[in-house]
Amino acid sequence: MFSRSHIVSLAAAIVLAGSVWAQPQGPPGASGQTPPTGSASGVPRNTPGDPGVAPQDQQMDPYIVDKDFVRNVAESSATEMQLGKLAQEKASSDAVKELGKQMVEAHALTSQQLRQAASALNIQVSAEPPRKAKKAEDKLAKLSGIEFDRAYAKLAADEQKQAVKQFEREAKSGKVPGVKDFAAKNLSAEQERQKQAEELASARTGTAARQGR
């Protein structure tokens, strides 16, 4: 048999436990601890436009679009610079040489700005050209004259096409204001370089076809 004092004490304990359980639970990190990189929130610290720690049940990194944009465009820019330098050396057409020069200058600036964005997002981007750039360079190095001009212009056009898609996606769906604004402001310039490369590739293809008759 429980005594009256035991029953009163048990009731008080249940009430106290119930009041503690009923308190709202804060989001991850509310205790002052920051979730590690790669956790369910995946939110980098000190990120421009960071709306706060993501809910615990949010499985996807809220900044995945921004991070993909920075990584992919950094890789594309490194490729364009590598091939642009080769075009300035080997192209037979002044127009193709000029395109190569423009690609190097434009993407050098883009790469510098992307490194700043990568730092803000706590991600790393390599300044070295990717493997695909080396493969493309080796392929182009074996060509000369109109064949080189045509192949380079087509590669440049294809690379710009992919870059434009990345800029469009970021401008529409980016979460970090600074990165999203960068994409929106530079989208038209990327589109113009794509158009220029495509027109040059088409012209070089036409010239090669006439010479082959």
Protein backbone atom coordinates (compact mmCIF):
# COMPACT_ATOMS: atom_id res chain seq x y z
CA MET A 1 0.00 0.00 0.00
CA PHE A 2 1.22 3.52 -0.86
CA SER A 3 0.97 6.11 1.86
CA ARG A 4 -0.74 9.41 1.17
CA SER A 5 2.65 11.15 1.05
CA HIS A 6 3.92 8.67 -1.60
CA ILE A 7 0.87 9.28 -3.80
CA VAL A 8 1.25 13.07 -3.56
CA SER A 9 4.96 12.87 -4.43
CA LEU A 10 4.29 10.62 -7.46
CA ALA A 11 1.58 12.93 -8.74
CA ALA A 12 3.90 15.92 -8.43
CA ALA A 13 6.61 14.08 -10.35
CA ILE A 14 4.20 13.23 -13.20
CA VAL A 15 3.03 16.84 -13.43
CA LEU A 16 6.63 18.08 -13.50
CA ALA A 17 7.62 15.57 -16.19
CA GLY A 18 4.61 16.51 -18.27
CA SER A 19 5.45 20.18 -18.14
CA VAL A 20 9.03 19.53 -19.28
CA TRP A 21 7.87 17.29 -22.17
CA ALA A 22 5.33 19.88 -23.29
CA GLN A 23 8.01 22.55 -23.75
CA PRO A 24 8.65 23.22 -27.50
CA GLN A 25 11.86 21.71 -28.77
CA GLY A 26 14.18 24.15 -30.54
CA PRO A 27 15.68 23.43 -33.94
CA PRO A 28 19.06 21.76 -34.25
CA GLY A 29 21.72 24.15 -33.08
CA ALA A 30 19.41 25.97 -30.65
CA SER A 31 21.62 24.83 -27.78
CA GLY A 32 24.51 26.74 -29.31
CA GLN A 33 26.01 23.76 -31.10
CA THR A 34 26.51 24.03 -34.83
CA PRO A 35 25.68 20.90 -36.86
CA PRO A 36 28.75 19.49 -38.60
CA THR A 37 29.20 19.72 -42.35
CA GLY A 38 27.30 16.92 -44.04
CA SER A 39 24.59 16.78 -41.35
CA ALA A 40 20.90 16.77 -42.17
CA SER A 41 20.88 20.56 -42.25
CA GLY A 42 24.09 20.89 -44.22
CA VAL A 43 23.96 24.67 -43.76
CA PRO A 44 27.38 26.34 -43.96
CA ARG A 45 28.25 28.86 -41.27
CA ASN A 46 28.63 32.56 -42.04
CA THR A 47 26.90 32.13 -45.40
CA PRO A 48 25.53 35.31 -47.01
CA GLY A 49 21.77 35.15 -46.95
CA ASP A 50 21.77 32.26 -44.44
CA PRO A 51 18.17 32.10 -43.14
CA GLY A 52 19.23 30.06 -40.12
CA VAL A 53 19.63 26.38 -39.34
CA ALA A 54 17.35 24.16 -41.39
CA PRO A 55 14.72 21.97 -39.65
CA GLN A 56 15.97 18.57 -38.57
CA ASP A 57 13.69 16.79 -41.03
CA GLN A 58 15.04 18.78 -44.01
CA GLN A 59 17.21 16.21 -45.75
CA MET A 60 18.44 18.30 -48.68
CA ASP A 61 21.07 21.00 -48.36
CA PRO A 62 19.13 24.27 -48.88
CA TYR A 63 22.14 25.75 -50.66
CA ILE A 64 22.72 22.86 -53.07
CA VAL A 65 21.76 24.96 -56.12
CA ASP A 66 24.26 27.67 -55.19
CA LYS A 67 27.03 25.19 -54.47
CA ASP A 68 26.46 23.30 -57.71
CA PHE A 69 26.50 26.58 -59.62
CA VAL A 70 29.81 27.68 -58.12
CA ARG A 71 31.49 24.30 -58.67
CA ASN A 72 30.20 23.76 -62.20
CA VAL A 73 30.85 27.28 -63.47
CA ALA A 74 34.32 27.32 -61.90
CA GLU A 75 35.10 24.11 -63.81
CA SER A 76 33.63 25.49 -67.03
CA SER A 77 35.59 28.74 -66.69
CA ALA A 78 38.85 26.86 -66.16
CA THR A 79 38.12 24.83 -69.29
CA GLU A 80 37.32 27.93 -71.36
CA MET A 81 40.52 29.64 -70.26
CA GLN A 82 42.66 26.59 -71.06
CA LEU A 83 41.20 26.18 -74.53
CA GLY A 84 41.11 29.92 -75.16
CA LYS A 85 44.86 30.16 -74.64
CA LEU A 86 45.39 27.34 -77.13
CA ALA A 87 43.12 29.09 -79.66
CA GLN A 88 45.21 32.25 -79.47
CA GLU A 89 48.28 30.18 -80.36
CA LYS A 90 46.95 27.81 -83.03
CA ALA A 91 43.90 29.39 -84.70
CA SER A 92 44.30 30.36 -88.33
CA SER A 93 41.44 32.84 -88.23
CA ASP A 94 41.71 36.22 -86.52
CA ALA A 95 38.08 35.86 -85.45
CA VAL A 96 38.81 32.58 -83.69
CA LYS A 97 41.92 34.03 -82.07
CA GLU A 98 39.82 36.94 -80.81
CA LEU A 99 37.18 34.58 -79.45
CA GLY A 100 39.88 32.69 -77.56
CA LYS A 101 41.19 35.95 -76.11
CA GLN A 102 37.72 37.03 -75.00
CA MET A 103 37.09 33.66 -73.36
CA VAL A 104 40.31 33.86 -71.38
CA GLU A 105 39.70 37.40 -70.17
CA ALA A 106 36.02 36.94 -69.33
CA HIS A 107 36.39 33.63 -67.55
CA ALA A 108 39.45 34.75 -65.60
CA LEU A 109 37.27 37.43 -64.02
CA THR A 110 34.46 34.96 -63.47
CA SER A 111 36.82 32.52 -61.75
CA GLN A 112 38.05 35.22 -59.38
CA GLN A 113 34.50 36.12 -58.36
CA LEU A 114 33.51 32.48 -57.96
CA ARG A 115 36.39 31.84 -55.57
CA GLN A 116 34.94 34.51 -53.30
CA ALA A 117 31.52 32.87 -53.48
CA ALA A 118 33.05 29.47 -52.74
CA SER A 119 34.71 30.86 -49.64
CA ALA A 120 31.39 32.26 -48.42
CA LEU A 121 29.73 28.87 -48.98
CA ASN A 122 32.58 26.98 -47.27
CA ILE A 123 33.30 24.87 -50.34
CA GLN A 124 36.47 24.37 -52.35
CA VAL A 125 36.88 24.87 -56.08
CA SER A 126 40.03 24.01 -57.95
CA ALA A 127 41.78 26.62 -60.05
CA GLU A 128 43.18 23.83 -62.21
CA PRO A 129 41.36 22.83 -65.40
CA PRO A 130 39.34 19.59 -65.09
CA ARG A 131 40.26 16.36 -66.82
CA LYS A 132 37.86 17.04 -69.69
CA ALA A 133 39.80 20.24 -70.49
CA LYS A 134 43.02 18.26 -70.86
CA LYS A 135 41.31 15.74 -73.15
CA ALA A 136 39.84 18.52 -75.29
CA GLU A 137 43.21 20.28 -75.43
CA ASP A 138 44.97 17.11 -76.56
CA LYS A 139 42.37 16.62 -79.29
CA LEU A 140 42.67 20.21 -80.52
CA ALA A 141 46.46 20.14 -80.43
CA LYS A 142 46.43 17.52 -83.19
CA LEU A 143 44.47 19.80 -85.52
CA SER A 144 45.51 22.82 -87.53
CA GLY A 145 44.12 25.44 -89.88
CA ILE A 146 40.40 25.46 -90.58
CA GLU A 147 39.94 22.11 -88.81
CA PHE A 148 41.29 23.56 -85.59
CA ASP A 149 39.18 26.71 -85.93
CA ARG A 150 35.99 24.73 -86.48
CA ALA A 151 36.66 22.25 -83.65
CA TYR A 152 37.59 24.97 -81.17
CA ALA A 153 34.58 27.15 -81.99
CA LYS A 154 32.26 24.17 -81.55
CA LEU A 155 33.82 23.23 -78.20
CA ALA A 156 33.57 26.83 -77.03
CA ALA A 157 29.93 27.01 -78.11
CA ASP A 158 29.07 23.76 -76.33
CA GLU A 159 30.83 24.86 -73.15
CA GLN A 160 29.05 28.22 -73.21
CA LYS A 161 25.71 26.50 -73.71
CA GLN A 162 26.23 24.52 -70.52
CA ALA A 163 27.40 27.63 -68.68
CA VAL A 164 24.28 29.53 -69.72
CA LYS A 165 22.10 26.75 -68.31
CA GLN A 166 23.94 27.01 -64.99
CA PHE A 167 23.53 30.80 -64.88
CA GLU A 168 19.82 30.54 -65.73
CA ARG A 169 19.22 27.97 -63.00
CA GLU A 170 21.05 29.99 -60.36
CA ALA A 171 19.35 33.25 -61.36
CA LYS A 172 15.98 31.53 -60.97
CA SER A 173 16.46 29.17 -58.02
CA GLY A 174 19.52 30.36 -56.08
CA LYS A 175 19.17 30.88 -52.32
CA VAL A 176 22.24 33.00 -51.56
CA PRO A 177 21.48 36.59 -52.64
CA GLY A 178 25.03 37.53 -53.62
CA VAL A 179 25.53 34.44 -55.79
CA LYS A 180 22.05 34.67 -57.29
CA ASP A 181 22.55 38.35 -58.18
CA PHE A 182 25.92 37.56 -59.76
CA ALA A 183 24.28 34.95 -61.99
CA ALA A 184 21.43 37.26 -62.97
CA LYS A 185 23.73 40.18 -63.82
CA ASN A 186 26.15 38.08 -65.88
CA LEU A 187 23.62 35.88 -67.66
CA SER A 188 23.29 38.16 -70.69
CA ALA A 189 27.08 38.27 -71.16
CA GLU A 190 27.24 34.47 -71.06
CA GLN A 191 24.43 34.25 -73.59
CA GLU A 192 26.22 36.70 -75.89
CA ARG A 193 29.41 34.63 -75.79
CA GLN A 194 27.39 31.52 -76.53
CA LYS A 195 25.83 33.22 -79.56
CA GLN A 196 29.20 34.47 -80.76
CA ALA A 197 30.79 31.02 -80.48
CA GLU A 198 27.86 29.32 -82.22
CA GLU A 199 27.93 31.78 -85.11
CA LEU A 200 31.67 31.34 -85.48
CA ALA A 201 31.35 27.54 -85.36
CA SER A 202 28.67 27.69 -88.05
CA ALA A 203 30.79 29.96 -90.24
CA ARG A 204 33.86 27.75 -89.85
CA THR A 205 31.79 24.68 -90.73
CA GLY A 206 30.53 26.39 -93.88
CA THR A 207 34.03 27.40 -94.90
CA ALA A 208 35.34 23.88 -94.40
CA ALA A 209 32.49 22.47 -96.48
CA ARG A 210 33.23 24.83 -99.38
CA GLN A 211 36.93 24.01 -99.27
CA GLY A 212 36.13 20.30 -99.34
CA ARG A 213 34.25 20.50 -102.64
